[in-house]
Amino acid sequence: MKILVDENIPAAEACFSQFGDVRQVNGRQLKNTDIGDAEVLIVRSVTKVNQTLLAGTGVRFVGSTTIGTDHLDLAYLASSGIKVCNAPGSNAESVVDYVISSICHCDDLLERLLAGEPVGIVGYGNVGQRLGRRLSALGIKWRAYDPLLNQAQFSVLTSLEEVVNSSLLCLHAPLTHDGEFPSYHMLSADQLAAMPSNAVLLNAGRGEVVATEVLLALIDQRPDISLVLDVWEGEPNFPASLASRCRIATPHIAGYSADGKLTGLRMVATELADFLGLDLKPFAIPDNMTETAPLSCEGIDEAGFVRHAVLSVYDVAADDARFRQIIGSNVRGEAFDLLRKNYPSRRELAFSALTTANPKFTTLLSTLQSGH
């Protein structure tokens, strides 16, 4: 069996070689003529899997190691009898770590949230729910908006207007273009201008949820609002005019923890094994994806301790610094993809060896890592 695997999925060759011959490909540039006699295609969100890509090929299984499906033409795949799977929730904790790290870096936002100012969450799926649990564990107030869910079943759901009226607004909605509540360009500059003074807008979902022009207009209208953006319209050719005006700007890496990648890989590999009537066998994993170094955390108060613990494990400022080096590049798209391809191994808070000698922070450390 011939298996095509995106070259940027770590440990994929070791994992999928138990099922057949693995060939690594550039997922962004993959074309129909590259498929050859492959029967299995393993991708990330950068590959548009549709009739154009697969027509006339022998592909019968498509697996995406990412949580979203907007890059997959599910209707075409179903009508063609092609088995398809993704990895919902696999990198949700990684995205939550990104949010918490960003909170720690945005001036006094952490102190304000711990003092009672609320967080608003748009999209209450895998990421939104886990973010809510982590915030609750820290004692931070929050509310969520998701019109696709039954509000009677989720007491935290409220109106979009109330959610927007938050000191931190986090966008985690999947990208949809149709239905009663499409998320494509769902927020206007006027809606976002209703955010409180010195608010922060964070998008680690899909760049197309808010138009680039809307965000630029928002900054002009409300310069006190800070933008934290990990996703962009037109990726990989992100808008430099917007990136240069962000408080924090990163190249779509919020979910790029080693733990999230391995979880997604195992989820898809398990589906493929079931599809083939086989068992998934253990496979080699690079040491840098599993190693942890003991980290001692201290602080004079709750905010100081949280900031020290979080940034000891994952400091989003390093990603922001690398990204800013390519904003003025003449080949932004290529540079964007290279940052993602060469992204350093990052562990999630939950899998990090954090300790504290201060007994008053022991419970806080546990809740920070587990979200309970």
Protein backbone atom coordinates (compact mmCIF):
# COMPACT_ATOMS: atom_id res chain seq x y z
CA MET A 1 0.00 0.00 0.00
CA LYS A 2 1.25 3.48 -0.93
CA ILE A 3 0.72 6.17 1.69
CA LEU A 4 1.26 9.91 1.12
CA VAL A 5 2.00 11.91 4.28
CA ASP A 6 2.52 15.63 4.77
CA GLU A 7 6.22 16.16 5.45
CA ASN A 8 5.46 18.47 8.37
CA ILE A 9 3.70 15.83 10.48
CA PRO A 10 6.35 14.69 12.99
CA ALA A 11 6.83 10.95 13.58
CA ALA A 12 4.43 10.24 10.71
CA GLU A 13 6.84 8.11 8.70
CA ALA A 14 7.63 5.90 11.70
CA CYS A 15 3.93 5.64 12.51
CA PHE A 16 2.44 4.89 9.09
CA SER A 17 5.24 2.70 7.71
CA GLN A 18 3.66 -0.23 9.58
CA PHE A 19 0.78 -0.02 7.09
CA GLY A 20 2.72 0.36 3.83
CA ASP A 21 5.23 2.40 1.87
CA VAL A 22 5.30 6.01 3.07
CA ARG A 23 6.18 8.95 0.84
CA GLN A 24 6.41 12.43 2.34
CA VAL A 25 5.01 15.34 0.32
CA ASN A 26 4.63 19.12 0.56
CA GLY A 27 1.03 19.43 1.69
CA ARG A 28 0.67 23.05 0.59
CA GLN A 29 1.80 22.30 -2.98
CA LEU A 30 0.26 18.83 -3.42
CA LYS A 31 -1.44 18.33 -6.83
CA ASN A 32 -3.53 15.64 -8.47
CA THR A 33 -0.56 14.46 -10.53
CA ASP A 34 1.43 13.89 -7.33
CA ILE A 35 -1.00 11.29 -5.99
CA GLY A 36 0.14 8.48 -8.26
CA ASP A 37 -1.01 5.06 -7.05
CA ALA A 38 -1.41 6.09 -3.41
CA GLU A 39 -4.41 4.67 -1.53
CA VAL A 40 -3.97 6.65 1.69
CA LEU A 41 -3.51 10.40 2.11
CA ILE A 42 -2.54 11.95 5.46
CA VAL A 43 -2.74 15.76 5.54
CA ARG A 44 -2.88 18.87 7.67
CA SER A 45 -5.16 21.89 7.27
CA VAL A 46 -3.00 23.42 4.50
CA THR A 47 -4.13 20.81 1.95
CA LYS A 48 -7.46 21.30 0.19
CA VAL A 49 -8.79 17.78 -0.28
CA ASN A 50 -11.48 17.86 -2.95
CA GLN A 51 -12.39 16.53 -6.38
CA THR A 52 -9.67 18.60 -8.04
CA LEU A 53 -7.04 16.86 -5.95
CA LEU A 54 -8.41 13.31 -5.95
CA ALA A 55 -10.32 12.83 -9.23
CA GLY A 56 -9.12 9.71 -11.03
CA THR A 57 -6.89 8.56 -8.16
CA GLY A 58 -7.13 5.40 -6.09
CA VAL A 59 -7.23 7.14 -2.73
CA ARG A 60 -9.70 5.41 -0.42
CA PHE A 61 -8.69 6.86 2.96
CA VAL A 62 -8.03 10.50 3.89
CA GLY A 63 -6.90 11.43 7.37
CA SER A 64 -6.28 14.93 8.68
CA THR A 65 -4.24 15.21 11.87
CA THR A 66 -5.91 18.55 12.68
CA ILE A 67 -9.12 19.44 14.51
CA GLY A 68 -10.86 21.33 11.68
CA THR A 69 -12.50 20.02 8.51
CA ASP A 70 -13.00 23.18 6.43
CA HIS A 71 -10.13 22.05 4.16
CA LEU A 72 -11.93 18.78 3.41
CA ASP A 73 -14.76 18.52 0.87
CA LEU A 74 -16.77 16.13 3.01
CA ALA A 75 -19.65 15.86 0.56
CA TYR A 76 -17.34 14.86 -2.29
CA LEU A 77 -15.42 12.39 -0.13
CA ALA A 78 -18.65 10.75 1.06
CA SER A 79 -20.12 10.50 -2.44
CA SER A 80 -16.87 8.96 -3.66
CA GLY A 81 -16.85 6.31 -0.96
CA ILE A 82 -13.62 7.63 0.53
CA LYS A 83 -13.20 7.11 4.26
CA VAL A 84 -12.29 10.38 5.98
CA CYS A 85 -11.31 11.25 9.52
CA ASN A 86 -9.81 14.12 11.45
CA ALA A 87 -8.57 14.65 15.01
CA PRO A 88 -11.12 16.75 16.92
CA GLY A 89 -9.77 18.10 20.19
CA SER A 90 -6.25 16.81 19.61
CA ASN A 91 -4.54 20.18 19.98
CA ALA A 92 -7.20 21.97 22.03
CA GLU A 93 -5.06 22.11 25.18
CA SER A 94 -2.18 23.51 23.13
CA VAL A 95 -4.42 26.34 21.92
CA VAL A 96 -5.52 27.01 25.50
CA ASP A 97 -1.85 27.22 26.53
CA TYR A 98 -1.39 29.81 23.76
CA VAL A 99 -4.28 31.87 25.13
CA ILE A 100 -2.99 31.73 28.71
CA SER A 101 0.54 32.65 27.60
CA SER A 102 -0.85 35.61 25.64
CA ILE A 103 -2.83 36.73 28.68
CA CYS A 104 0.41 36.72 30.68
CA HIS A 105 2.07 38.98 28.10
CA CYS A 106 -0.61 41.60 27.51
CA ASP A 107 0.39 44.24 30.07
CA ASP A 108 -1.83 43.92 33.17
CA LEU A 109 -4.52 41.78 31.54
CA LEU A 110 -3.85 38.80 33.82
CA GLU A 111 -4.23 40.96 36.93
CA ARG A 112 -7.45 42.49 35.57
CA LEU A 113 -8.96 39.10 34.80
CA LEU A 114 -8.01 37.69 38.19
CA ALA A 115 -9.65 40.80 39.72
CA GLY A 116 -12.99 40.01 38.05
CA GLU A 117 -12.99 41.35 34.50
CA PRO A 118 -14.56 38.76 32.15
CA VAL A 119 -13.41 36.73 29.15
CA GLY A 120 -15.71 36.19 26.18
CA ILE A 121 -15.44 33.03 24.09
CA VAL A 122 -16.88 32.80 20.57
CA GLY A 123 -17.22 29.14 19.61
CA TYR A 124 -17.89 26.67 22.42
CA GLY A 125 -16.43 23.51 20.91
CA ASN A 126 -13.39 21.49 21.98
CA VAL A 127 -11.15 24.55 22.42
CA GLY A 128 -13.81 26.85 23.83
CA GLN A 129 -14.94 24.37 26.47
CA ARG A 130 -11.40 23.53 27.57
CA LEU A 131 -10.50 27.20 27.74
CA GLY A 132 -13.54 27.77 29.90
CA ARG A 133 -12.49 25.00 32.29
CA ARG A 134 -8.95 26.39 32.56
CA LEU A 135 -10.24 29.91 33.23
CA SER A 136 -12.67 28.63 35.87
CA ALA A 137 -9.84 26.75 37.55
CA LEU A 138 -7.97 30.04 37.83
CA GLY A 139 -11.05 31.80 39.17
CA ILE A 140 -11.50 33.93 36.03
CA LYS A 141 -15.04 34.84 34.95
CA TRP A 142 -16.09 34.00 31.39
CA ARG A 143 -19.09 33.56 29.10
CA ALA A 144 -19.50 32.02 25.66
CA TYR A 145 -21.44 32.44 22.43
CA ASP A 146 -22.24 29.55 20.11
CA PRO A 147 -25.52 29.70 18.16
CA LEU A 148 -25.08 26.10 16.99
CA LEU A 149 -25.55 24.75 20.52
CA ASN A 150 -28.68 24.54 22.63
CA GLN A 151 -28.45 27.31 25.21
CA ALA A 152 -30.70 25.33 27.56
CA GLN A 153 -28.01 22.64 27.76
CA PHE A 154 -25.13 25.06 28.35
CA SER A 155 -25.81 27.69 31.00
CA VAL A 156 -22.62 29.59 30.10
CA LEU A 157 -23.96 30.50 26.65
CA THR A 158 -25.25 34.02 26.17
CA SER A 159 -25.68 36.61 23.42
CA LEU A 160 -22.94 37.72 21.06
CA GLU A 161 -23.32 41.29 22.34
CA GLU A 162 -22.65 40.25 25.93
CA VAL A 163 -19.67 38.10 24.95
CA VAL A 164 -18.15 40.94 22.91
CA ASN A 165 -18.44 43.16 25.99
CA SER A 166 -15.44 41.42 27.58
CA SER A 167 -11.93 42.50 28.48
CA LEU A 168 -10.58 39.55 26.48
CA LEU A 169 -12.50 38.24 23.46
CA CYS A 170 -11.29 34.85 22.21
CA LEU A 171 -12.38 33.59 18.79
CA HIS A 172 -12.44 29.79 18.44
CA ALA A 173 -15.24 29.30 15.93
CA PRO A 174 -14.76 26.81 13.07
CA LEU A 175 -14.92 28.30 9.59
CA THR A 176 -18.32 27.88 7.89
CA HIS A 177 -19.75 29.66 4.85
CA ASP A 178 -23.36 28.54 4.88
CA GLY A 179 -26.15 27.58 7.25
CA GLU A 180 -28.12 29.91 9.50
CA PHE A 181 -25.03 31.15 11.35
CA PRO A 182 -22.01 31.20 9.01
CA SER A 183 -18.80 32.18 10.78
CA TYR A 184 -17.13 33.67 7.70
CA HIS A 185 -16.64 37.43 8.36
CA MET A 186 -19.13 37.15 11.22
CA LEU A 187 -17.95 40.19 13.19
CA SER A 188 -18.04 43.82 12.06
CA ALA A 189 -15.90 46.75 13.18
CA ASP A 190 -18.92 48.34 14.83
CA GLN A 191 -19.63 45.18 16.83
CA LEU A 192 -16.04 44.90 17.98
CA ALA A 193 -15.84 48.60 18.79
CA ALA A 194 -18.28 47.87 21.64
CA MET A 195 -15.49 46.09 23.53
CA PRO A 196 -14.47 47.75 26.83
CA SER A 197 -11.50 50.09 27.18
CA ASN A 198 -8.09 48.45 26.79
CA ALA A 199 -9.67 45.16 25.72
CA VAL A 200 -7.81 42.40 23.87
CA LEU A 201 -9.10 40.55 20.81
CA LEU A 202 -7.49 37.14 20.33
CA ASN A 203 -8.06 34.92 17.30
CA ALA A 204 -6.57 31.43 17.36
CA GLY A 205 -9.33 29.79 15.32
CA ARG A 206 -9.66 30.74 11.66
CA GLY A 207 -8.47 33.99 10.10
CA GLU A 208 -11.54 34.39 7.93
CA VAL A 209 -13.87 34.79 10.91
CA VAL A 210 -13.00 38.51 10.91
CA ALA A 211 -12.07 40.34 7.70
CA THR A 212 -8.64 41.95 7.56
CA GLU A 213 -10.24 45.29 6.66
CA VAL A 214 -12.47 45.06 9.73
CA LEU A 215 -9.50 44.56 12.05
CA LEU A 216 -7.59 47.45 10.48
CA ALA A 217 -10.66 49.67 10.83
CA LEU A 218 -11.06 48.57 14.45
CA ILE A 219 -7.49 49.56 15.31
CA ASP A 220 -8.01 52.97 13.68
CA GLN A 221 -11.30 53.48 15.51
CA ARG A 222 -10.19 52.02 18.84
CA PRO A 223 -6.39 52.21 19.23
CA ASP A 224 -6.74 51.13 22.87
CA ILE A 225 -7.79 47.64 21.75
CA SER A 226 -4.92 45.15 21.37
CA LEU A 227 -4.89 42.37 18.77
CA VAL A 228 -3.42 38.92 19.35
CA LEU A 229 -3.58 37.02 16.06
CA ASP A 230 -2.37 33.52 15.25
CA VAL A 231 -4.50 33.06 12.13
CA TRP A 232 -4.82 35.20 9.02
CA GLU A 233 -6.84 35.68 5.90
CA GLY A 234 -4.90 34.53 2.84
CA GLU A 235 -2.49 32.21 4.65
CA PRO A 236 0.35 31.72 4.08
CA ASN A 237 0.42 35.18 2.46
CA PHE A 238 -0.67 37.02 5.59
CA PRO A 239 -1.42 40.78 5.49
CA ALA A 240 1.74 42.57 6.66
CA SER A 241 -0.21 45.79 7.29
CA LEU A 242 -2.25 44.00 9.95
CA ALA A 243 0.52 41.88 11.42
CA SER A 244 2.70 44.92 12.08
CA ARG A 245 -0.04 46.49 14.21
CA CYS A 246 -0.73 43.49 16.44
CA ARG A 247 0.23 43.25 20.11
CA ILE A 248 1.14 39.61 19.47
CA ALA A 249 1.40 38.04 16.00
CA THR A 250 2.25 34.40 15.28
CA PRO A 251 2.20 32.06 12.22
CA HIS A 252 -0.76 29.75 12.99
CA ILE A 253 1.09 27.76 15.65
CA ALA A 254 -1.27 27.98 18.64
CA GLY A 255 -2.03 24.27 18.34
CA TYR A 256 1.53 23.26 17.52
CA SER A 257 2.52 21.58 20.79
CA ALA A 258 4.36 18.27 20.48
CA ASP A 259 1.68 16.65 22.63
CA GLY A 260 -1.14 17.89 20.40
CA LYS A 261 0.63 16.72 17.26
CA LEU A 262 1.19 13.25 18.69
CA THR A 263 -2.42 13.01 19.84
CA GLY A 264 -3.67 13.94 16.37
CA LEU A 265 -1.28 11.49 14.75
CA ARG A 266 -2.40 8.63 16.98
CA MET A 267 -6.09 9.43 16.42
CA VAL A 268 -5.74 9.26 12.63
CA ALA A 269 -3.44 6.21 12.75
CA THR A 270 -5.97 4.38 14.93
CA GLU A 271 -8.72 5.16 12.40
CA LEU A 272 -6.54 3.87 9.56
CA ALA A 273 -5.74 0.69 11.49
CA ASP A 274 -9.46 0.08 12.06
CA PHE A 275 -10.15 0.77 8.38
CA LEU A 276 -7.58 -1.86 7.40
CA GLY A 277 -8.65 -4.34 10.08
CA LEU A 278 -5.30 -4.07 11.86
CA ASP A 279 -3.96 -3.04 15.26
CA LEU A 280 -1.88 0.09 15.69
CA LYS A 281 1.59 -0.95 16.86
CA PRO A 282 3.97 1.21 18.94
CA PHE A 283 6.25 3.43 16.88
CA ALA A 284 9.36 5.50 17.48
CA ILE A 285 8.83 9.05 18.73
CA PRO A 286 11.63 11.67 18.66
CA ASP A 287 13.02 12.39 22.12
CA ASN A 288 12.41 16.13 21.80
CA MET A 289 8.66 15.46 21.58
CA THR A 290 8.52 13.69 24.95
CA GLU A 291 11.34 15.06 27.08
CA THR A 292 10.60 17.35 30.01
CA ALA A 293 12.95 19.25 32.29
CA PRO A 294 11.97 19.99 35.91
CA LEU A 295 10.95 23.63 36.33
CA SER A 296 10.65 25.31 39.72
CA CYS A 297 8.04 28.08 39.84
CA GLU A 298 7.80 30.95 42.30
CA GLY A 299 5.98 34.25 42.69
CA ILE A 300 5.11 36.86 45.28
CA ASP A 301 1.40 36.75 44.44
CA GLU A 302 -1.07 34.70 42.39
CA ALA A 303 -0.57 36.65 39.17
CA GLY A 304 3.19 36.56 39.48
CA PHE A 305 3.19 32.81 40.10
CA VAL A 306 0.87 32.06 37.17
CA ARG A 307 2.95 34.23 34.86
CA HIS A 308 6.21 32.57 35.94
CA ALA A 309 4.81 29.05 35.61
CA VAL A 310 3.15 29.58 32.23
CA LEU A 311 6.02 31.43 30.59
CA SER A 312 8.56 28.92 31.91
CA VAL A 313 6.84 26.27 29.79
CA TYR A 314 5.66 28.29 26.81
CA ASP A 315 6.49 31.94 26.14
CA VAL A 316 4.48 33.20 23.17
CA ALA A 317 6.84 36.19 22.91
CA ALA A 318 9.44 33.93 21.27
CA ASP A 319 6.97 33.01 18.52
CA ASP A 320 6.02 36.66 18.10
CA ALA A 321 9.70 37.66 17.76
CA ARG A 322 10.35 35.06 15.06
CA PHE A 323 7.24 36.09 13.17
CA ARG A 324 8.15 39.79 13.20
CA GLN A 325 11.38 38.99 11.40
CA ILE A 326 9.39 37.94 8.30
CA ILE A 327 6.69 40.64 8.24
CA GLY A 328 8.66 42.76 5.80
CA SER A 329 9.81 39.82 3.68
CA ASN A 330 9.22 39.80 -0.08
CA VAL A 331 8.44 36.09 0.21
CA ARG A 332 6.15 36.18 3.23
CA GLY A 333 4.24 33.06 2.24
CA GLU A 334 7.35 30.91 2.00
CA ALA A 335 8.75 32.38 5.20
CA PHE A 336 5.42 31.73 6.98
CA ASP A 337 5.49 28.05 6.04
CA LEU A 338 9.15 27.72 7.00
CA LEU A 339 8.41 29.03 10.49
CA ARG A 340 5.78 26.35 10.86
CA LYS A 341 7.95 23.62 9.36
CA ASN A 342 10.89 24.46 11.63
CA TYR A 343 8.82 25.16 14.72
CA PRO A 344 10.69 24.20 17.94
CA SER A 345 9.30 21.37 20.02
CA ARG A 346 6.88 22.66 22.65
CA ARG A 347 5.31 20.73 25.52
CA GLU A 348 1.90 21.47 26.96
CA LEU A 349 1.48 22.73 30.50
CA ALA A 350 -0.25 19.50 31.48
CA PHE A 351 2.77 17.42 30.49
CA SER A 352 5.44 19.67 31.98
CA ALA A 353 7.39 18.92 35.15
CA LEU A 354 6.47 22.02 37.12
CA THR A 355 7.10 22.22 40.85
CA THR A 356 6.85 24.84 43.57
CA ALA A 357 8.40 25.05 47.01
CA ASN A 358 5.63 27.37 48.18
CA PRO A 359 2.73 25.31 49.62
CA LYS A 360 0.21 28.13 49.03
CA PHE A 361 0.71 27.72 45.26
CA THR A 362 0.54 23.92 45.12
CA THR A 363 -3.19 23.76 44.38
CA LEU A 364 -2.96 26.67 41.96
CA LEU A 365 -0.22 24.87 40.02
CA SER A 366 -2.32 21.73 39.80
CA THR A 367 -5.40 23.57 38.54
CA LEU A 368 -3.30 25.59 36.09
CA GLN A 369 -2.09 22.38 34.49
CA SER A 370 -5.24 20.26 34.65
CA GLY A 371 -8.03 22.81 34.34
CA HIS A 372 -9.90 21.29 37.29
